[in-house]
Amino acid sequence: MAVRRPAKDQPENFSWSEANEAWCAEQIRKYPEGRQASCVIPFLWRGQKQEGWISIAMMEAIAAQLSMPYIRVYEVASFYTMFNLEPVGEHFVQLCGTTPCMVRGAYDLREVCKRVIGPENTVSEDGKLSWLEVECLGACVNAPMIQVSTREGDHYYEDLTPEVFEDMLAKMRAGEDVKIGTANPRRHTSDPEGENTTLVDPSLFDGSRSKPIGKLPNSDPAP
């Protein structure tokens, strides 16, 4: 894995929004005195949702808030790839390139990213999109797939083709809603494509094949 370093251009300071400041205070109260450093991952995640990425100023503020050395906060933020150490687009596309997605067309999706968004780890000129190739996101049966992160949430988009994917990016750029989940009309969630072909006989589960069970030995109620 490549070394993860903070972005060159950094903001001068960081402060929590009023709502997030109250949220942080509530989280700290969950831990015994002296154990507040356990909040570092939720604080970093909350900060990323507020700002879109994690700056040095944010890490310094969290370190002071949790009475822990800055380097310990930096170690956590740089270790976990879910934390963005540089700015990302409003829609941050994480393209799975692991084997199941690769053999199902992830490389074609990667070419769409390069053409429509630009180079990897670069925010598009309008600030709407950026992308990164990542390791397995755990939706192999619906490969190829992506995860898109925004400040509002994180969602999977699955069973993609280059044409569907490019149309999705255009809608995201325009602020339009994009259907979450599978893009395959013949698939329901992660079920096999098409209609069910197994366990379709109702008698398998409606009880009609069941026979009354006789009295079991030693089944008399206790006195």
Protein backbone atom coordinates (compact mmCIF):
# COMPACT_ATOMS: atom_id res chain seq x y z
CA MET A 1 0.00 0.00 0.00
CA ALA A 2 1.28 3.48 -0.84
CA VAL A 3 2.38 5.78 1.95
CA ARG A 4 -0.46 8.09 3.01
CA ARG A 5 0.53 11.67 3.70
CA PRO A 6 -1.46 14.84 4.45
CA ALA A 7 -2.28 17.17 1.58
CA LYS A 8 0.20 19.95 0.82
CA ASP A 9 -2.42 22.72 1.01
CA GLN A 10 -3.86 22.89 4.51
CA PRO A 11 -6.45 25.15 6.17
CA GLU A 12 -5.19 27.35 8.98
CA ASN A 13 -7.73 26.17 11.53
CA PHE A 14 -10.62 23.85 12.24
CA SER A 15 -13.70 24.15 14.42
CA TRP A 16 -16.69 21.92 14.99
CA SER A 17 -20.13 22.95 13.89
CA GLU A 18 -22.48 23.66 16.77
CA ALA A 19 -24.30 20.36 16.28
CA ASN A 20 -21.09 18.34 16.07
CA GLU A 21 -19.61 20.08 19.11
CA ALA A 22 -22.63 18.94 21.13
CA TRP A 23 -22.28 15.44 19.63
CA CYS A 24 -18.62 15.26 20.66
CA ALA A 25 -19.43 16.28 24.22
CA GLU A 26 -22.02 13.51 24.41
CA GLN A 27 -19.53 10.90 23.13
CA ILE A 28 -16.84 11.87 25.63
CA ARG A 29 -19.26 11.28 28.50
CA LYS A 30 -19.50 7.62 27.49
CA TYR A 31 -15.91 6.92 28.59
CA PRO A 32 -14.31 6.88 32.06
CA GLU A 33 -11.98 9.71 32.97
CA GLY A 34 -8.63 9.18 31.29
CA ARG A 35 -10.08 7.02 28.50
CA GLN A 36 -11.34 9.78 26.22
CA ALA A 37 -8.74 8.89 23.58
CA SER A 38 -11.05 5.99 22.67
CA CYS A 39 -13.18 8.61 20.88
CA VAL A 40 -10.50 9.30 18.28
CA ILE A 41 -11.97 7.19 15.47
CA PRO A 42 -15.56 8.44 15.85
CA PHE A 43 -14.26 12.02 16.11
CA LEU A 44 -12.20 11.66 12.94
CA TRP A 45 -15.16 10.12 11.12
CA ARG A 46 -17.48 12.90 12.28
CA GLY A 47 -14.92 15.51 11.27
CA GLN A 48 -14.59 13.96 7.84
CA LYS A 49 -18.35 14.03 7.37
CA GLN A 50 -18.33 17.72 8.32
CA GLU A 51 -15.43 18.80 6.11
CA GLY A 52 -15.21 16.03 3.52
CA TRP A 53 -11.61 15.20 4.50
CA ILE A 54 -9.22 15.29 7.45
CA SER A 55 -6.79 18.19 7.72
CA ILE A 56 -3.81 18.66 10.03
CA ALA A 57 -5.76 21.40 11.81
CA MET A 58 -8.58 18.93 12.47
CA MET A 59 -6.20 16.30 13.82
CA GLU A 60 -4.54 18.89 16.08
CA ALA A 61 -7.92 20.04 17.39
CA ILE A 62 -9.03 16.47 18.09
CA ALA A 63 -5.73 15.72 19.84
CA ALA A 64 -6.19 18.69 22.15
CA GLN A 65 -9.85 17.82 22.73
CA LEU A 66 -8.99 14.26 23.74
CA SER A 67 -5.79 15.15 25.65
CA MET A 68 -3.62 12.92 23.47
CA PRO A 69 -0.49 13.59 21.40
CA TYR A 70 -1.09 14.80 17.86
CA ILE A 71 1.08 12.01 16.45
CA ARG A 72 -1.29 9.38 17.86
CA VAL A 73 -4.22 10.98 16.04
CA TYR A 74 -2.15 11.16 12.86
CA GLU A 75 -1.20 7.49 13.21
CA VAL A 76 -4.87 6.50 13.29
CA ALA A 77 -5.91 8.78 10.43
CA SER A 78 -3.05 7.66 8.19
CA PHE A 79 -3.50 3.95 8.94
CA TYR A 80 -7.20 3.59 8.06
CA THR A 81 -7.92 4.14 4.38
CA MET A 82 -11.49 5.17 5.17
CA PHE A 83 -10.02 8.52 6.26
CA ASN A 84 -9.28 10.99 3.47
CA LEU A 85 -6.08 12.95 4.08
CA GLU A 86 -6.71 15.24 1.13
CA PRO A 87 -9.79 16.93 -0.31
CA VAL A 88 -12.27 14.83 -2.27
CA GLY A 89 -15.18 15.72 -4.51
CA GLU A 90 -18.74 16.15 -3.31
CA HIS A 91 -19.22 12.61 -4.61
CA PHE A 92 -16.17 10.51 -3.78
CA VAL A 93 -16.19 7.40 -5.98
CA GLN A 94 -14.38 4.37 -4.57
CA LEU A 95 -13.99 1.83 -7.36
CA CYS A 96 -13.44 -1.77 -6.29
CA GLY A 97 -10.65 -3.31 -8.34
CA THR A 98 -10.28 -6.64 -6.54
CA THR A 99 -10.49 -9.89 -8.54
CA PRO A 100 -14.30 -10.49 -8.68
CA CYS A 101 -14.92 -6.91 -9.82
CA MET A 102 -11.88 -6.94 -12.09
CA VAL A 103 -13.06 -9.99 -14.04
CA ARG A 104 -16.56 -8.50 -14.30
CA GLY A 105 -15.51 -5.18 -15.81
CA ALA A 106 -13.96 -2.93 -13.15
CA TYR A 107 -11.18 -1.92 -15.55
CA ASP A 108 -13.80 -0.59 -17.97
CA LEU A 109 -15.29 1.46 -15.13
CA ARG A 110 -11.82 2.74 -14.33
CA GLU A 111 -11.49 4.09 -17.86
CA VAL A 112 -14.80 5.92 -17.39
CA CYS A 113 -13.43 7.49 -14.22
CA LYS A 114 -10.30 8.67 -16.01
CA ARG A 115 -12.28 10.12 -18.90
CA VAL A 116 -15.20 11.68 -17.02
CA ILE A 117 -13.61 12.68 -13.70
CA GLY A 118 -9.89 12.92 -14.38
CA PRO A 119 -6.78 11.39 -12.81
CA GLU A 120 -7.09 9.31 -9.66
CA ASN A 121 -6.91 11.30 -6.39
CA THR A 122 -7.78 14.51 -8.25
CA VAL A 123 -10.97 16.53 -7.72
CA SER A 124 -12.79 17.49 -10.91
CA GLU A 125 -12.69 21.17 -11.85
CA ASP A 126 -16.29 21.70 -10.73
CA GLY A 127 -15.58 20.05 -7.36
CA LYS A 128 -18.34 17.51 -7.87
CA LEU A 129 -16.38 14.28 -8.36
CA SER A 130 -13.19 12.48 -7.43
CA TRP A 131 -12.26 8.80 -7.45
CA LEU A 132 -9.93 6.20 -6.05
CA GLU A 133 -9.42 2.51 -6.77
CA VAL A 134 -9.77 0.50 -3.56
CA GLU A 135 -9.63 -3.06 -2.32
CA CYS A 136 -12.65 -5.34 -1.82
CA LEU A 137 -15.80 -3.58 -0.65
CA GLY A 138 -17.63 -6.84 0.08
CA ALA A 139 -20.28 -6.87 -2.64
CA CYS A 140 -18.57 -9.44 -4.88
CA VAL A 141 -21.76 -11.16 -6.01
CA ASN A 142 -22.92 -7.88 -7.58
CA ALA A 143 -19.61 -7.05 -9.25
CA PRO A 144 -18.52 -4.68 -10.63
CA MET A 145 -19.48 -2.10 -8.06
CA ILE A 146 -18.52 1.21 -6.47
CA GLN A 147 -19.08 3.01 -3.19
CA VAL A 148 -19.90 6.70 -3.33
CA SER A 149 -19.30 8.80 -0.22
CA THR A 150 -20.84 12.20 0.41
CA ARG A 151 -21.25 14.27 3.55
CA GLU A 152 -24.75 12.84 3.84
CA GLY A 153 -23.82 9.16 3.64
CA ASP A 154 -22.14 6.26 1.88
CA HIS A 155 -23.89 4.05 -0.67
CA TYR A 156 -23.16 1.07 -2.92
CA TYR A 157 -23.96 1.00 -6.63
CA GLU A 158 -23.70 -2.47 -8.14
CA ASP A 159 -23.90 -4.54 -11.35
CA LEU A 160 -22.56 -1.59 -13.31
CA THR A 161 -21.74 -1.30 -17.00
CA PRO A 162 -19.64 1.55 -18.41
CA GLU A 163 -22.77 3.10 -19.96
CA VAL A 164 -24.79 2.92 -16.73
CA PHE A 165 -21.85 4.19 -14.70
CA GLU A 166 -21.24 7.19 -16.95
CA ASP A 167 -24.92 8.09 -16.80
CA MET A 168 -24.78 7.85 -12.99
CA LEU A 169 -21.81 10.21 -12.82
CA ALA A 170 -23.64 12.73 -15.02
CA LYS A 171 -26.66 12.62 -12.72
CA MET A 172 -24.51 13.02 -9.61
CA ARG A 173 -22.74 15.97 -11.18
CA ALA A 174 -26.12 17.54 -11.95
CA GLY A 175 -27.43 16.94 -8.43
CA GLU A 176 -30.01 14.37 -9.52
CA ASP A 177 -30.99 11.29 -7.54
CA VAL A 178 -29.35 8.00 -8.50
CA LYS A 179 -30.87 4.65 -7.59
CA ILE A 180 -28.87 2.96 -4.82
CA GLY A 181 -28.02 -0.74 -5.05
CA THR A 182 -28.07 -2.97 -8.10
CA ALA A 183 -28.44 -1.47 -11.56
CA ASN A 184 -29.53 -4.84 -12.95
CA PRO A 185 -33.34 -4.88 -13.42
CA ARG A 186 -33.28 -8.70 -13.34
CA ARG A 187 -31.74 -8.83 -9.87
CA HIS A 188 -33.31 -8.24 -6.46
CA THR A 189 -30.66 -7.07 -3.97
CA SER A 190 -28.00 -9.85 -4.08
CA ASP A 191 -30.26 -12.67 -5.32
CA PRO A 192 -29.31 -14.56 -8.49
CA GLU A 193 -30.53 -12.97 -11.71
CA GLY A 194 -34.03 -13.85 -12.91
CA GLU A 195 -36.75 -15.79 -11.16
CA ASN A 196 -36.13 -18.25 -8.34
CA THR A 197 -35.22 -21.76 -9.54
CA THR A 198 -34.84 -23.55 -6.20
CA LEU A 199 -37.14 -24.03 -3.21
CA VAL A 200 -40.13 -23.04 -5.33
CA ASP A 201 -42.44 -25.89 -4.25
CA PRO A 202 -44.80 -24.38 -1.62
CA SER A 203 -45.09 -27.76 0.12
CA LEU A 204 -41.49 -27.40 1.20
CA PHE A 205 -42.36 -24.63 3.62
CA ASP A 206 -46.16 -24.43 4.05
CA GLY A 207 -46.31 -27.38 6.47
CA SER A 208 -48.31 -29.68 4.17
CA ARG A 209 -45.55 -32.30 4.22
CA SER A 210 -45.34 -32.32 7.97
CA LYS A 211 -46.66 -35.23 9.98
CA PRO A 212 -47.97 -34.94 13.54
CA ILE A 213 -45.26 -35.72 16.02
CA GLY A 214 -46.26 -38.27 18.61
CA LYS A 215 -45.75 -37.85 22.30
CA LEU A 216 -42.06 -37.66 23.01
CA PRO A 217 -40.56 -39.84 25.77
CA ASN A 218 -40.28 -38.13 29.12
CA SER A 219 -42.40 -35.24 27.87
CA ASP A 220 -44.80 -35.20 30.81
CA PRO A 221 -44.83 -31.79 32.48
CA ALA A 222 -42.85 -31.53 35.64
CA PRO A 223 -44.96 -31.79 38.81
